[in-house]
N, C-alpha and C. Protein backbone atom coordinates (compact mmCIF):
# COMPACT_ATOMS: atom_id res chain seq x y z
N MET A 1 0.64 -1.04 -0.27
CA MET A 1 0.25 0.45 0.12
C MET A 1 0.69 1.54 -0.27
N PRO A 2 0.72 2.37 -0.82
CA PRO A 2 1.39 3.42 -1.16
C PRO A 2 0.98 4.21 0.39
N ASP A 3 2.47 5.20 0.45
CA ASP A 3 2.24 5.29 1.86
C ASP A 3 1.57 7.28 0.75
N MET A 4 0.13 7.72 1.46
CA MET A 4 -0.09 8.68 1.07
C MET A 4 0.38 10.05 1.68
N SER A 5 1.25 9.71 3.15
CA SER A 5 2.15 11.24 3.34
C SER A 5 3.22 11.76 1.99
N ARG A 6 3.80 10.52 1.15
CA ARG A 6 4.98 10.51 0.61
C ARG A 6 4.68 10.34 -0.71
N PRO A 7 3.51 11.21 -1.50
CA PRO A 7 2.89 10.59 -2.69
C PRO A 7 4.17 10.58 -3.57
N TYR A 8 5.38 11.02 -3.59
CA TYR A 8 6.22 11.10 -4.28
C TYR A 8 7.46 9.95 -4.23
N ASN A 9 8.10 9.24 -5.33
CA ASN A 9 9.09 7.85 -5.09
C ASN A 9 9.80 8.39 -6.35
N VAL A 10 11.07 8.71 -5.51
CA VAL A 10 12.50 9.13 -6.98
C VAL A 10 12.69 8.16 -7.70
N PHE A 11 12.28 7.12 -6.95
CA PHE A 11 12.62 5.68 -7.88
C PHE A 11 12.32 5.56 -8.86
N ASP A 12 11.10 6.03 -9.28
CA ASP A 12 9.97 5.78 -10.17
C ASP A 12 10.50 6.65 -11.45
N LEU A 13 10.71 6.17 -12.24
CA LEU A 13 11.04 6.92 -13.52
C LEU A 13 10.38 8.28 -13.74
N ASN A 14 9.22 8.01 -13.52
CA ASN A 14 8.29 9.09 -14.06
C ASN A 14 7.85 10.24 -13.28
N CYS A 15 8.99 10.45 -12.08
CA CYS A 15 8.01 10.96 -10.69
C CYS A 15 8.96 12.58 -10.76
N PRO A 16 7.99 13.47 -11.06
CA PRO A 16 8.77 14.79 -11.09
C PRO A 16 9.75 15.04 -10.25
N THR A 17 10.22 14.05 -9.35
CA THR A 17 11.69 14.48 -7.92
C THR A 17 12.69 14.61 -8.54
N ARG A 18 12.65 13.71 -10.05
CA ARG A 18 13.98 13.41 -10.10
C ARG A 18 14.56 14.62 -10.93
N ALA A 19 13.65 15.28 -11.70
CA ALA A 19 14.22 16.15 -12.47
C ALA A 19 14.58 17.52 -11.69
N LEU A 20 14.24 17.68 -10.11
CA LEU A 20 14.24 18.12 -9.09
C LEU A 20 15.14 17.90 -8.35
N LEU A 21 15.61 16.68 -8.36
CA LEU A 21 17.33 16.47 -7.90
C LEU A 21 18.24 17.09 -9.42
N ASP A 22 17.90 16.51 -10.09
CA ASP A 22 18.66 17.29 -11.32
C ASP A 22 18.95 18.68 -11.03
N ARG A 23 18.47 19.18 -10.63
CA ARG A 23 18.25 20.66 -10.50
C ARG A 23 19.06 21.02 -9.35
N LEU A 24 18.82 20.36 -8.51
CA LEU A 24 19.49 20.69 -6.98
C LEU A 24 21.24 20.11 -7.11
N ALA A 25 21.16 19.22 -8.20
CA ALA A 25 22.48 18.81 -8.15
C ALA A 25 23.50 18.91 -8.99
N ASP A 26 23.06 20.22 -9.57
CA ASP A 26 23.84 21.16 -10.82
C ASP A 26 24.75 21.96 -9.65
N LYS A 27 25.86 22.08 -9.57
CA LYS A 27 26.88 23.05 -9.23
C LYS A 27 26.64 24.68 -8.93
N TRP A 28 25.84 24.90 -10.28
CA TRP A 28 26.12 26.50 -10.04
C TRP A 28 24.04 27.05 -9.36
N GLY A 29 23.71 25.81 -9.45
CA GLY A 29 22.28 25.98 -8.16
C GLY A 29 22.72 25.74 -7.12
N LEU A 30 23.55 25.10 -6.75
CA LEU A 30 24.03 24.83 -5.10
C LEU A 30 24.90 25.90 -4.84
N LEU A 31 25.64 26.75 -5.98
CA LEU A 31 26.41 27.78 -5.12
C LEU A 31 25.90 28.83 -5.00
N ILE A 32 24.65 28.97 -5.92
CA ILE A 32 23.72 30.20 -5.65
C ILE A 32 23.01 30.18 -4.61
N LEU A 33 22.17 28.73 -4.19
CA LEU A 33 21.58 28.94 -3.48
C LEU A 33 22.54 29.22 -2.11
N VAL A 34 23.88 28.48 -1.88
CA VAL A 34 24.48 29.02 -0.72
C VAL A 34 25.15 30.41 -0.90
N ARG A 35 25.58 31.18 -1.72
CA ARG A 35 25.45 32.48 -1.44
C ARG A 35 24.18 33.02 -1.48
N LEU A 36 23.14 33.12 -1.55
CA LEU A 36 21.89 33.30 -1.38
C LEU A 36 21.59 33.60 0.63
N GLU A 37 21.99 32.79 0.41
CA GLU A 37 22.01 32.11 1.85
C GLU A 37 22.46 33.19 3.05
N ARG A 38 23.58 33.73 2.73
CA ARG A 38 24.09 35.17 3.04
C ARG A 38 23.50 36.76 3.13
N GLY A 39 22.35 36.32 2.10
CA GLY A 39 21.89 37.58 1.84
C GLY A 39 21.64 37.87 0.68
N VAL A 40 20.33 39.21 -0.20
CA VAL A 40 20.10 39.43 -1.18
C VAL A 40 21.29 39.69 -2.19
N ALA A 41 21.10 39.08 -3.54
CA ALA A 41 22.35 39.66 -4.23
C ALA A 41 21.99 40.26 -5.46
N ARG A 42 22.83 40.84 -6.16
CA ARG A 42 22.35 41.46 -7.76
C ARG A 42 22.69 40.56 -8.61
N PHE A 43 22.31 40.52 -10.23
CA PHE A 43 22.93 39.66 -10.82
C PHE A 43 24.38 39.70 -10.90
N ASN A 44 24.91 41.13 -11.56
CA ASN A 44 26.42 40.69 -11.45
C ASN A 44 26.95 40.53 -10.22
N GLN A 45 26.36 40.95 -8.90
CA GLN A 45 27.40 40.27 -7.83
C GLN A 45 27.57 38.89 -7.43
N LEU A 46 26.30 38.58 -7.87
CA LEU A 46 26.27 36.45 -8.28
C LEU A 46 27.16 36.16 -9.08
N ARG A 47 27.42 37.11 -10.36
CA ARG A 47 28.43 36.55 -10.77
C ARG A 47 29.61 36.57 -11.04
N ARG A 48 30.29 37.64 -9.97
CA ARG A 48 31.25 38.05 -9.36
C ARG A 48 31.70 37.00 -8.64
N GLU A 49 30.75 36.46 -7.55
CA GLU A 49 31.12 35.77 -6.26
C GLU A 49 30.85 34.48 -6.57
N VAL A 50 30.32 34.17 -7.33
CA VAL A 50 29.88 32.50 -8.22
C VAL A 50 31.00 32.87 -9.06
N GLU A 51 32.38 32.36 -8.91
CA GLU A 51 33.29 32.45 -10.30
C GLU A 51 33.00 31.29 -11.10
N GLY A 52 33.78 31.54 -12.25
CA GLY A 52 33.09 30.48 -12.87
C GLY A 52 31.82 30.35 -14.13
N VAL A 53 31.03 30.72 -13.36
CA VAL A 53 29.78 30.68 -14.31
C VAL A 53 29.56 32.22 -14.75
N SER A 54 28.95 31.45 -16.22
CA SER A 54 29.20 32.67 -17.52
C SER A 54 27.67 33.16 -17.20
N GLN A 55 27.49 34.18 -18.13
CA GLN A 55 26.46 35.40 -17.84
C GLN A 55 24.93 34.12 -18.17
N LYS A 56 24.91 33.46 -19.65
CA LYS A 56 24.14 32.53 -20.06
C LYS A 56 23.79 31.76 -18.99
N VAL A 57 24.57 30.86 -18.16
CA VAL A 57 23.88 29.78 -17.20
C VAL A 57 23.76 30.58 -15.85
N LEU A 58 23.99 31.71 -15.63
CA LEU A 58 23.55 32.30 -14.02
C LEU A 58 21.94 32.34 -14.68
N SER A 59 21.95 33.04 -16.10
CA SER A 59 20.87 33.55 -15.76
C SER A 59 19.71 32.59 -16.00
N GLN A 60 20.06 31.47 -16.46
CA GLN A 60 19.24 30.01 -16.84
C GLN A 60 18.93 29.54 -15.40
N THR A 61 20.26 29.59 -14.11
CA THR A 61 19.95 28.69 -13.06
C THR A 61 19.57 29.56 -12.39
N LEU A 62 18.81 31.06 -11.93
CA LEU A 62 18.18 31.67 -11.62
C LEU A 62 16.78 31.38 -11.78
N LYS A 63 16.60 31.50 -13.41
CA LYS A 63 15.11 31.30 -14.19
C LYS A 63 14.71 30.07 -13.24
N LYS A 64 15.08 28.64 -13.15
CA LYS A 64 15.06 27.46 -12.64
C LYS A 64 15.02 27.28 -11.19
N LEU A 65 15.46 28.68 -10.75
CA LEU A 65 15.28 28.12 -8.99
C LEU A 65 14.31 28.79 -8.79
N GLU A 66 14.35 30.31 -9.43
CA GLU A 66 12.71 31.32 -9.13
C GLU A 66 11.68 30.09 -9.38
N ARG A 67 11.51 29.64 -10.97
CA ARG A 67 9.96 28.61 -11.06
C ARG A 67 10.37 27.65 -9.83
N ASP A 68 11.18 27.58 -9.53
CA ASP A 68 10.66 25.43 -8.24
C ASP A 68 10.25 26.32 -7.02
N GLY A 69 10.56 27.93 -6.56
CA GLY A 69 10.45 28.51 -5.61
C GLY A 69 11.34 28.62 -4.45
N LEU A 70 12.54 28.66 -5.48
CA LEU A 70 13.33 28.77 -4.18
C LEU A 70 13.85 29.97 -3.94
N ILE A 71 13.83 30.51 -5.19
CA ILE A 71 14.18 31.92 -5.17
C ILE A 71 13.68 32.89 -5.22
N THR A 72 13.48 34.39 -5.15
CA THR A 72 12.66 35.48 -5.43
C THR A 72 13.66 36.33 -6.69
N ARG A 73 12.99 36.50 -7.55
CA ARG A 73 13.46 37.70 -8.13
C ARG A 73 12.78 39.34 -8.22
N ARG A 74 13.25 39.99 -7.68
CA ARG A 74 12.68 41.48 -7.54
C ARG A 74 13.52 42.91 -8.47
N ALA A 75 12.70 43.47 -9.39
CA ALA A 75 13.00 44.27 -10.37
C ALA A 75 12.76 45.35 -9.42
N TYR A 76 13.42 46.72 -9.78
CA TYR A 76 13.40 47.81 -9.11
C TYR A 76 13.27 48.71 -10.96
N PRO A 77 12.02 49.83 -10.92
CA PRO A 77 12.03 50.43 -12.00
C PRO A 77 13.25 51.71 -12.02
N THR A 78 14.33 51.47 -12.30
CA THR A 78 15.77 52.09 -12.37
C THR A 78 16.40 51.69 -13.53
N VAL A 79 17.25 52.87 -13.86
CA VAL A 79 17.71 53.33 -15.15
C VAL A 79 18.87 52.69 -15.05
N PRO A 80 19.78 51.96 -15.72
CA PRO A 80 19.53 50.58 -16.25
C PRO A 80 18.42 49.81 -14.75
N VAL A 81 17.44 49.31 -15.25
CA VAL A 81 16.83 48.30 -14.40
C VAL A 81 18.01 47.44 -12.95
N THR A 82 17.54 47.45 -12.00
CA THR A 82 18.37 47.02 -10.90
C THR A 82 16.98 45.45 -10.46
N VAL A 83 18.27 44.34 -10.31
CA VAL A 83 17.11 43.16 -10.32
C VAL A 83 18.06 42.62 -9.12
N GLU A 84 17.23 42.19 -7.99
CA GLU A 84 18.10 41.44 -6.58
C GLU A 84 17.05 40.26 -7.25
N TYR A 85 17.93 39.49 -6.14
CA TYR A 85 17.70 38.06 -6.30
C TYR A 85 17.87 37.56 -4.54
N ALA A 86 16.84 36.31 -4.04
CA ALA A 86 16.65 36.38 -2.16
C ALA A 86 16.20 35.05 -2.47
N LEU A 87 16.51 33.94 -1.32
CA LEU A 87 15.97 33.21 -1.13
C LEU A 87 14.22 33.11 -0.29
N THR A 88 13.88 32.08 -0.72
CA THR A 88 12.10 32.33 -0.45
C THR A 88 12.12 31.29 0.77
N ASP A 89 11.13 31.19 1.50
CA ASP A 89 10.82 30.22 2.81
C ASP A 89 11.33 29.20 2.25
N LEU A 90 10.85 29.20 1.32
CA LEU A 90 11.36 27.25 0.90
C LEU A 90 13.00 26.93 0.45
N GLY A 91 13.25 28.30 0.07
CA GLY A 91 14.68 27.78 -0.38
C GLY A 91 15.30 28.02 1.01
N ARG A 92 15.16 28.59 2.47
CA ARG A 92 15.83 28.34 3.10
C ARG A 92 15.59 27.10 3.81
N THR A 93 14.67 26.32 3.79
CA THR A 93 14.61 25.29 4.32
C THR A 93 15.75 23.98 3.70
N LEU A 94 15.73 24.22 2.73
CA LEU A 94 17.07 23.52 1.45
C LEU A 94 18.61 23.88 2.03
N CYS A 95 18.88 25.41 2.58
CA CYS A 95 20.17 25.52 2.66
C CYS A 95 20.91 24.77 3.58
N THR A 96 20.01 24.43 5.13
CA THR A 96 20.85 23.52 5.73
C THR A 96 21.43 22.52 5.33
N THR A 97 20.81 21.41 4.10
CA THR A 97 21.33 20.63 3.65
C THR A 97 22.50 21.13 2.47
N VAL A 98 22.13 21.95 2.27
CA VAL A 98 23.10 22.27 0.99
C VAL A 98 24.52 22.93 2.11
N ALA A 99 24.16 23.60 2.62
CA ALA A 99 25.08 23.91 3.28
C ALA A 99 26.03 22.58 4.05
N ALA A 100 25.59 21.53 4.04
CA ALA A 100 25.93 20.46 4.97
C ALA A 100 27.07 19.64 3.94
N LEU A 101 26.36 19.38 2.83
CA LEU A 101 26.90 18.74 1.26
C LEU A 101 28.96 19.73 0.95
N THR A 102 28.02 20.96 1.03
CA THR A 102 29.44 21.88 0.51
C THR A 102 30.50 21.95 1.30
N ASP A 103 30.15 22.39 3.08
CA ASP A 103 31.33 21.83 4.05
C ASP A 103 31.92 20.43 3.80
N TRP A 104 31.30 19.65 3.62
CA TRP A 104 31.39 17.94 3.72
C TRP A 104 32.05 18.34 2.48
N ALA A 105 32.51 18.45 1.11
CA ALA A 105 32.82 18.99 0.12
C ALA A 105 34.42 19.18 0.45
N GLU A 106 34.29 20.36 1.39
CA GLU A 106 35.39 21.21 1.33
C GLU A 106 36.33 20.12 2.35
N ARG A 107 35.71 19.60 3.53
CA ARG A 107 36.51 18.90 4.45
C ARG A 107 37.42 17.88 3.83
N ASN A 108 36.48 16.80 3.22
CA ASN A 108 37.02 15.93 2.53
C ASN A 108 37.75 16.22 1.17
N MET A 109 37.64 17.02 0.79
CA MET A 109 38.35 16.83 -0.79
C MET A 109 39.72 16.15 -0.60
N ALA A 110 41.04 16.52 0.31
CA ALA A 110 42.20 15.79 0.31
C ALA A 110 41.77 14.30 0.35
N HIS A 111 40.73 13.87 0.91
CA HIS A 111 40.53 12.27 0.87
C HIS A 111 40.16 11.90 -0.34
N VAL A 112 39.40 12.52 -0.71
CA VAL A 112 38.47 12.25 -2.35
C VAL A 112 39.89 12.47 -3.56
N ARG A 113 40.60 13.30 -3.64
CA ARG A 113 41.33 13.39 -4.24
C ARG A 113 43.07 12.50 -3.88
N ALA A 114 43.09 12.15 -2.77
CA ALA A 114 43.82 10.88 -3.31
C ALA A 114 43.11 9.05 -3.77
N ALA A 115 41.84 9.81 -3.21
CA ALA A 115 41.25 8.33 -3.50
C ALA A 115 41.18 8.13 -5.37
N GLN A 116 40.90 9.16 -6.01
CA GLN A 116 40.63 9.38 -7.48
C GLN A 116 42.19 9.63 -7.80
N ALA A 117 43.64 9.57 -7.04
CA ALA A 117 44.68 8.93 -7.62
C ALA A 117 45.18 8.20 -7.55
N ALA A 118 45.08 7.40 -6.69
CA ALA A 118 44.61 5.82 -6.36
C ALA A 118 43.82 4.83 -7.27
N TYR A 119 42.99 5.33 -7.63
CA TYR A 119 41.96 4.87 -8.34
C TYR A 119 42.66 4.84 -9.65
N ASP A 120 43.28 6.13 -10.28
CA ASP A 120 43.92 6.78 -11.74
C ASP A 120 45.13 5.83 -11.76
N GLY A 121 45.51 5.78 -10.71
CA GLY A 121 46.99 4.71 -10.69
C GLY A 121 46.98 3.27 -10.95
N ARG A 122 45.86 2.77 -10.77
CA ARG A 122 45.52 1.28 -10.69
C ARG A 122 45.36 1.03 -12.59
N GLY A 123 45.49 1.83 -13.67
CA GLY A 123 44.85 1.75 -14.73
C GLY A 123 44.01 1.08 -15.56
N GLU A 124 44.04 0.52 -16.30
CA GLU A 124 43.09 -0.53 -16.63
C GLU A 124 41.62 -1.29 -16.11
N SER A 125 42.90 -2.01 -15.21
CA SER A 125 41.74 -2.65 -14.30
C SER A 125 41.38 -2.02 -13.42
N ALA A 126 40.83 -0.67 -13.28
CA ALA A 126 40.65 0.39 -12.12
C ALA A 126 38.49 -0.26 -12.33
N GLY A 127 38.15 -0.28 -13.64
CA GLY A 127 36.81 -0.43 -13.61
C GLY A 127 36.65 -1.84 -13.30
N LEU A 128 37.36 -3.03 -12.89
CA LEU A 128 36.79 -4.14 -13.12
C LEU A 128 36.67 -4.33 -11.48
N GLU A 129 35.68 -5.31 -11.16
CA GLU A 129 35.58 -5.95 -9.53
C GLU A 129 36.38 -6.54 -8.89
N GLN A 130 36.91 -6.46 -7.81
CA GLN A 130 37.93 -7.22 -7.21
C GLN A 130 37.37 -8.54 -7.27
N GLY A 131 38.04 -9.82 -7.46
CA GLY A 131 38.23 -10.86 -7.91
C GLY A 131 37.14 -11.28 -9.03
N ALA A 132 37.09 -10.47 -10.03
CA ALA A 132 36.08 -10.65 -11.28
C ALA A 132 37.23 -11.69 -11.94
N ASP A 133 36.11 -12.41 -13.22
CA ASP A 133 36.71 -13.47 -14.10
C ASP A 133 37.15 -12.19 -15.23
N THR A 134 38.56 -12.30 -15.38
CA THR A 134 38.84 -11.00 -16.27
C THR A 134 39.88 -12.10 -17.77
N ARG A 135 39.04 -13.56 -17.43
CA ARG A 135 39.49 -14.51 -18.57
C ARG A 135 38.82 -14.30 -19.97
N PRO A 136 39.78 -14.09 -21.16
CA PRO A 136 38.50 -14.05 -22.47
C PRO A 136 37.57 -14.84 -22.63
N GLN A 137 35.80 -14.45 -22.80
CA GLN A 137 35.54 -15.52 -22.91
C GLN A 137 35.65 -15.89 -24.51
N SER A 138 35.16 -17.56 -23.87
CA SER A 138 35.44 -18.51 -25.44
C SER A 138 34.12 -18.39 -26.45
N ARG A 139 34.70 -18.41 -27.87
CA ARG A 139 33.26 -18.02 -28.57
C ARG A 139 32.96 -19.81 -28.83
N MET A 140 31.60 -20.05 -28.52
CA MET A 140 31.24 -21.07 -29.37
C MET A 140 30.38 -21.32 -30.30
């Protein structure tokens, strides 16, 4: 019997949570959320502070986050127009999780890099499962 308190199942191929998780797993989306947790920011301020993001990708990411209800966009009638972005209440509920993920990445990056180097140093056998039969298969 399905749990009606949780009508979505991330393991279901057609579940809309998969698209949301895809957006949340995007590095630019995460970095923008982390930055906006510190306070309201204008577009160019985000572009400067989130190093490496292009204007196009920043614009696309902000639109997606706004559509998902995680941030707000407020335009002021100035010349040129002033636009500010801020977290919504829903976006703030995600920030603890996002902060934990970014903190984990920063704390453990040296271990991850060491694991990557060890994996890369194993050469061609790196992708094989330990104990797997590596003999060529005979043709019948």
